[in-house]
Amino acid sequence: MIYDVVTITVAYRMKDKVAEMLDSLFLDIAGSGLNVKAVVVDNASGANFGEMIREKFPQVDSILNQTNVGYGAANNMAFGRYEAKYYFIVNPDITFPDGRDVIKRFYDFMEANQKIGLAGPKLILGDGDVQPSCQRFPRVWDQPIFRLGWHKKYDWARKRVEKFQMADFSHNKPVPVDWVVGAAFFIRGTALLKVGGFDERYFAYFEDCDLCREFWEAGWLVFYKADISLLHWHERSSAKIPGLKSIFQNKLTRIHLKSWLQYWWKWQKME
C-alpha cells in the first residue's frame, strides 16, 4: 500500500511523551481525508513500551529494536518498510496544536510546490518562545563556540552564532533555507528515494543538517514553513552540563562532538 503520509517517530525512553504526541496527531488528522499511517520506531526503551503502543494505539505500527541503533538508522527502517507519497518525521516531544490541520496543510503545500523536497514548521517552545529551527549551514567552529558558551562571553562569538542561527531573520516568513531542525519535517517520497535517507554514520545529532544538505545537493529545495507551527517541549540533553567539563561528564555531549566531526569531515567546510 502507498500511503499519502507516513509519520515516523523514533523513541528512546519517552513513553509518556510518545503517547501525548500520538494523541495530538490523531486529533490533527481527523477529517483530513488523507490515508495516514503512524509508525513508532523504538530504540530499546524497555519498560513495556511496545505493550503501551499495542494497547493504547492499536492503529499505530511499531518497530521494536533490541538495541539503540541511532536516530537516522531507526528512521531509515521505517522508510524501507512503508511506501508513502510523503513522510513526516516527528519527535516524541512534539505536540500538534488543536485545530491547526498541520498534516493536511503540509500535504497541500507540498502538492502545490513540486520543487520542494523537504519542509519544516515553526517550532514553539514550552515557554512560548520561537525556537531557531531554521539555520544556515554551520562553519566548522560554529558548533564548538556555541556549545562552549563563548557566545555569551565574547562579542565576536555572539555574532558568529547569531549568523549561524539566523538571528537576523524574524522566523515568521516562509522561505527556502539551508536546513531545518529534524524535530519535525515533511519529506517528499520521490525526493527521498533519490537522496537515500539519513546517513547512518551519525548516531545522533547533525543527521538533520546533513540530510537537508543532501537534498540541496540533489537539486531539491528545503523550505521553512513559518505559517505552520508545532509545539516543541524541548530539553537540550547534551547541554545540561555547560562548558568543557560536559565533554567528560555527559555522554550525549561526546556523541554531539563526534557527529560534528563527522559532518565536518564529510563536507569539508573549513570557513
Protein backbone atom coordinates (compact mmCIF):
# COMPACT_ATOMS: atom_id res chain seq x y z
CA MET A 1 0.00 0.00 0.00
CA ILE A 2 1.15 3.52 -0.80
CA TYR A 3 0.09 5.91 1.94
CA ASP A 4 -0.48 9.63 1.50
CA VAL A 5 1.62 10.28 4.59
CA VAL A 6 3.63 8.06 6.92
CA THR A 7 4.55 9.72 10.20
CA ILE A 8 7.70 8.36 11.83
CA THR A 9 8.60 8.82 15.47
CA VAL A 10 11.85 7.47 16.89
CA ALA A 11 11.60 6.85 20.62
CA TYR A 12 14.05 6.14 23.39
CA ARG A 13 12.67 6.04 26.95
CA MET A 14 9.98 8.64 26.26
CA LYS A 15 6.83 6.54 26.61
CA ASP A 16 4.62 9.28 28.08
CA LYS A 17 5.71 11.86 25.54
CA VAL A 18 5.11 9.44 22.67
CA ALA A 19 1.56 8.88 23.93
CA GLU A 20 0.91 12.64 24.18
CA MET A 21 2.29 13.21 20.69
CA LEU A 22 0.17 10.43 19.18
CA ASP A 23 -2.99 11.68 20.89
CA SER A 24 -2.46 15.11 19.37
CA LEU A 25 -1.51 13.63 15.97
CA PHE A 26 -4.77 11.71 15.64
CA LEU A 27 -6.74 14.80 16.55
CA ASP A 28 -4.83 16.69 13.85
CA ILE A 29 -5.57 14.21 11.03
CA ALA A 30 -9.21 13.57 11.95
CA GLY A 31 -11.32 14.61 8.97
CA SER A 32 -8.29 15.31 6.76
CA GLY A 33 -9.33 12.73 4.16
CA LEU A 34 -5.71 11.56 3.94
CA ASN A 35 -4.53 7.98 4.25
CA VAL A 36 -2.05 8.42 7.11
CA LYS A 37 -0.08 5.66 8.80
CA ALA A 38 1.62 6.42 12.12
CA VAL A 39 4.80 4.45 12.83
CA VAL A 40 6.87 4.42 16.01
CA VAL A 41 10.40 3.02 15.99
CA ASP A 42 11.61 2.24 19.50
CA ASN A 43 15.33 2.03 20.19
CA ALA A 44 15.21 -0.49 23.05
CA SER A 45 13.38 1.62 25.62
CA GLY A 46 12.16 -1.38 27.56
CA ALA A 47 9.58 -0.60 30.28
CA ASN A 48 6.75 -2.26 28.32
CA PHE A 49 6.96 0.34 25.56
CA GLY A 50 5.62 -1.98 22.85
CA GLU A 51 2.79 -3.10 25.09
CA MET A 52 1.72 0.51 25.64
CA ILE A 53 1.57 1.14 21.89
CA ARG A 54 -0.42 -2.04 21.22
CA GLU A 55 -2.94 -1.38 23.98
CA LYS A 56 -3.48 2.37 23.64
CA PHE A 57 -2.79 2.87 19.92
CA PRO A 58 -3.69 -0.32 18.01
CA GLN A 59 -3.77 1.67 14.76
CA VAL A 60 -0.06 2.53 15.13
CA ASP A 61 2.63 0.25 13.70
CA SER A 62 5.69 -0.23 15.86
CA ILE A 63 9.21 -1.38 15.11
CA LEU A 64 10.83 -2.56 18.33
CA ASN A 65 14.61 -2.66 18.18
CA GLN A 66 16.56 -4.79 20.64
CA THR A 67 19.38 -2.24 20.73
CA ASN A 68 19.65 1.50 20.22
CA VAL A 69 20.61 1.71 16.55
CA GLY A 70 20.66 5.51 16.45
CA TYR A 71 18.26 8.15 15.19
CA GLY A 72 18.97 8.10 11.47
CA ALA A 73 19.14 4.31 11.20
CA ALA A 74 15.82 3.96 13.05
CA ASN A 75 14.10 6.37 10.66
CA ASN A 76 15.60 4.53 7.70
CA MET A 77 14.00 1.31 8.93
CA ALA A 78 10.57 2.90 8.59
CA PHE A 79 11.43 4.45 5.22
CA GLY A 80 12.30 0.98 3.97
CA ARG A 81 9.13 -0.72 5.25
CA TYR A 82 6.48 1.81 4.25
CA GLU A 83 5.88 3.38 0.86
CA ALA A 84 4.39 6.85 1.00
CA LYS A 85 3.93 9.98 -1.05
CA TYR A 86 5.24 11.92 1.94
CA TYR A 87 6.96 11.13 5.21
CA PHE A 88 6.63 13.28 8.31
CA ILE A 89 9.40 12.93 10.86
CA VAL A 90 8.02 13.93 14.25
CA ASN A 91 9.86 13.59 17.55
CA PRO A 92 8.22 12.37 20.77
CA ASP A 93 8.49 15.81 22.39
CA ILE A 94 6.30 17.43 19.71
CA THR A 95 2.57 18.06 20.07
CA PHE A 96 0.11 19.28 17.45
CA PRO A 97 -1.90 22.40 18.36
CA ASP A 98 -5.66 21.89 18.38
CA GLY A 99 -7.48 22.61 15.14
CA ARG A 100 -4.47 23.53 13.01
CA ASP A 101 -4.65 20.67 10.46
CA VAL A 102 -0.86 20.54 10.30
CA ILE A 103 -0.53 17.34 8.28
CA LYS A 104 -3.16 18.37 5.71
CA ARG A 105 -1.68 21.82 5.29
CA PHE A 106 1.81 20.41 4.77
CA TYR A 107 0.43 17.89 2.26
CA ASP A 108 -1.38 20.59 0.26
CA PHE A 109 1.67 22.85 0.35
CA MET A 110 4.00 20.17 -0.98
CA GLU A 111 1.49 19.17 -3.67
CA ALA A 112 1.43 22.77 -4.87
CA ASN A 113 5.24 23.17 -4.79
CA GLN A 114 6.81 20.24 -6.59
CA LYS A 115 10.39 21.55 -6.40
CA ILE A 116 10.44 21.42 -2.60
CA GLY A 117 11.85 18.17 -1.27
CA LEU A 118 11.69 18.85 2.44
CA ALA A 119 9.91 21.39 4.63
CA GLY A 120 9.88 22.16 8.34
CA PRO A 121 7.43 24.09 10.53
CA LYS A 122 7.91 26.86 13.04
CA LEU A 123 8.61 25.31 16.45
CA ILE A 124 7.19 26.96 19.56
CA LEU A 125 8.96 26.10 22.82
CA GLY A 126 7.22 25.41 26.10
CA ASP A 127 7.82 28.96 27.33
CA GLY A 128 6.23 30.43 24.20
CA ASP A 129 9.48 31.45 22.51
CA VAL A 130 10.13 30.60 18.87
CA GLN A 131 12.91 28.03 18.51
CA PRO A 132 15.54 28.95 15.89
CA SER A 133 14.61 25.85 13.91
CA CYS A 134 15.85 27.03 10.52
CA GLN A 135 19.54 27.73 10.31
CA ARG A 136 22.44 28.32 7.97
CA PHE A 137 24.89 25.53 7.29
CA PRO A 138 27.47 25.72 10.10
CA ARG A 139 31.04 26.69 9.57
CA VAL A 140 33.48 24.32 11.19
CA TRP A 141 33.85 26.16 14.54
CA ASP A 142 30.26 27.42 14.95
CA GLN A 143 29.04 24.47 16.99
CA PRO A 144 32.02 24.29 19.41
CA ILE A 145 31.74 28.04 20.01
CA PHE A 146 28.05 27.66 20.79
CA ARG A 147 28.44 24.58 22.96
CA LEU A 148 31.25 26.12 25.00
CA GLY A 149 29.06 29.14 25.68
CA TRP A 150 31.55 31.58 24.24
CA HIS A 151 28.72 33.45 22.51
CA LYS A 152 27.60 34.56 25.99
CA LYS A 153 31.04 35.96 26.83
CA TYR A 154 32.54 37.35 23.64
CA ASP A 155 31.00 39.70 21.11
CA TRP A 156 32.77 38.08 18.13
CA ALA A 157 31.42 34.68 19.17
CA ARG A 158 27.90 36.05 19.65
CA LYS A 159 27.88 37.48 16.14
CA ARG A 160 29.09 34.20 14.69
CA VAL A 161 26.44 32.15 16.49
CA GLU A 162 23.71 34.64 15.59
CA LYS A 163 24.61 34.31 11.91
CA PHE A 164 24.56 30.51 12.14
CA GLN A 165 21.19 30.50 13.93
CA MET A 166 19.71 33.15 11.59
CA ALA A 167 19.11 35.64 14.39
CA ASP A 168 18.87 38.30 11.68
CA PHE A 169 15.70 36.59 10.43
CA SER A 170 12.30 37.02 12.09
CA HIS A 171 11.42 33.31 11.79
CA ASN A 172 7.93 34.43 10.77
CA LYS A 173 8.46 34.32 7.00
CA PRO A 174 8.10 31.18 4.83
CA VAL A 175 11.35 30.97 2.83
CA PRO A 176 13.86 28.48 1.41
CA VAL A 177 16.62 27.88 3.99
CA ASP A 178 19.82 25.86 4.28
CA TRP A 179 18.35 23.40 6.77
CA VAL A 180 15.58 22.84 9.28
CA VAL A 181 15.77 21.14 12.65
CA GLY A 182 14.82 17.48 12.48
CA ALA A 183 12.37 17.52 15.39
CA ALA A 184 9.69 17.80 12.71
CA PHE A 185 9.95 17.83 8.95
CA PHE A 186 7.87 16.83 5.95
CA ILE A 187 9.68 14.89 3.22
CA ARG A 188 8.67 14.18 -0.37
CA GLY A 189 8.89 10.44 -1.00
CA THR A 190 10.29 10.69 -4.55
CA ALA A 191 13.00 13.06 -3.35
CA LEU A 192 13.89 10.72 -0.50
CA LEU A 193 14.35 7.85 -2.94
CA LYS A 194 16.92 9.89 -4.84
CA VAL A 195 18.74 11.12 -1.74
CA GLY A 196 18.68 7.77 0.02
CA GLY A 197 17.61 8.61 3.57
CA PHE A 198 19.67 9.51 6.59
CA ASP A 199 23.41 8.95 6.69
CA GLU A 200 23.67 6.23 9.36
CA ARG A 201 27.21 7.19 10.29
CA TYR A 202 25.61 9.78 12.57
CA PHE A 203 24.31 8.04 15.68
CA ALA A 204 22.58 11.23 16.83
CA TYR A 205 22.85 14.95 16.05
CA PHE A 206 23.72 16.61 12.72
CA GLU A 207 21.83 13.98 10.71
CA ASP A 208 19.09 16.56 10.05
CA CYS A 209 21.55 19.19 8.84
CA ASP A 210 23.30 16.56 6.74
CA LEU A 211 20.06 15.31 5.15
CA CYS A 212 18.99 18.83 4.20
CA ARG A 213 22.35 19.38 2.60
CA GLU A 214 21.93 16.17 0.63
CA PHE A 215 18.57 17.45 -0.61
CA TRP A 216 20.14 20.71 -1.81
CA GLU A 217 22.97 18.77 -3.50
CA ALA A 218 20.36 16.65 -5.30
CA GLY A 219 18.56 19.74 -6.61
CA TRP A 220 15.64 19.87 -4.15
CA LEU A 221 14.60 22.94 -2.18
CA VAL A 222 14.46 22.90 1.62
CA PHE A 223 11.76 25.19 2.97
CA TYR A 224 10.91 26.77 6.32
CA LYS A 225 7.10 26.88 6.57
CA ALA A 226 6.71 29.60 9.18
CA ASP A 227 2.92 29.76 8.92
CA ILE A 228 2.60 26.19 10.22
CA SER A 229 3.60 25.72 13.84
CA LEU A 230 4.08 22.85 16.27
CA LEU A 231 4.77 22.81 19.99
CA HIS A 232 8.22 21.55 20.96
CA TRP A 233 8.71 20.51 24.60
CA HIS A 234 12.45 20.54 24.09
CA GLU A 235 15.19 19.64 26.56
CA ARG A 236 18.76 20.01 25.35
CA SER A 237 20.04 16.82 26.95
CA SER A 238 23.53 17.23 25.50
CA ALA A 239 23.89 20.68 27.10
CA LYS A 240 22.78 20.06 30.69
CA ILE A 241 26.39 20.41 31.85
CA PRO A 242 27.92 23.61 30.39
CA GLY A 243 31.39 24.21 29.00
CA LEU A 244 34.37 21.91 28.57
CA LYS A 245 33.50 19.69 31.54
CA SER A 246 30.44 18.45 29.66
CA ILE A 247 32.78 16.51 27.35
CA PHE A 248 33.90 14.40 30.29
CA GLN A 249 30.64 14.25 32.26
CA ASN A 250 27.93 14.00 29.59
CA LYS A 251 27.87 11.10 27.12
CA LEU A 252 25.48 12.98 24.82
CA THR A 253 27.97 15.83 24.53
CA ARG A 254 30.58 13.36 23.29
CA ILE A 255 28.09 11.95 20.78
CA HIS A 256 27.33 15.51 19.64
CA LEU A 257 31.04 16.22 19.25
CA LYS A 258 31.59 13.05 17.24
CA SER A 259 28.73 13.94 14.88
CA TRP A 260 30.13 17.45 14.42
CA LEU A 261 33.50 15.95 13.41
CA GLN A 262 31.77 13.50 11.03
CA TYR A 263 29.80 16.33 9.45
CA TRP A 264 32.88 18.49 9.03
CA TRP A 265 34.90 15.63 7.54
CA LYS A 266 32.13 14.71 5.11
CA TRP A 267 31.50 18.20 3.80
CA GLN A 268 34.99 19.68 4.27
CA LYS A 269 33.67 23.09 5.30
CA MET A 270 36.59 24.93 6.82
CA GLU A 271 35.39 28.55 6.73
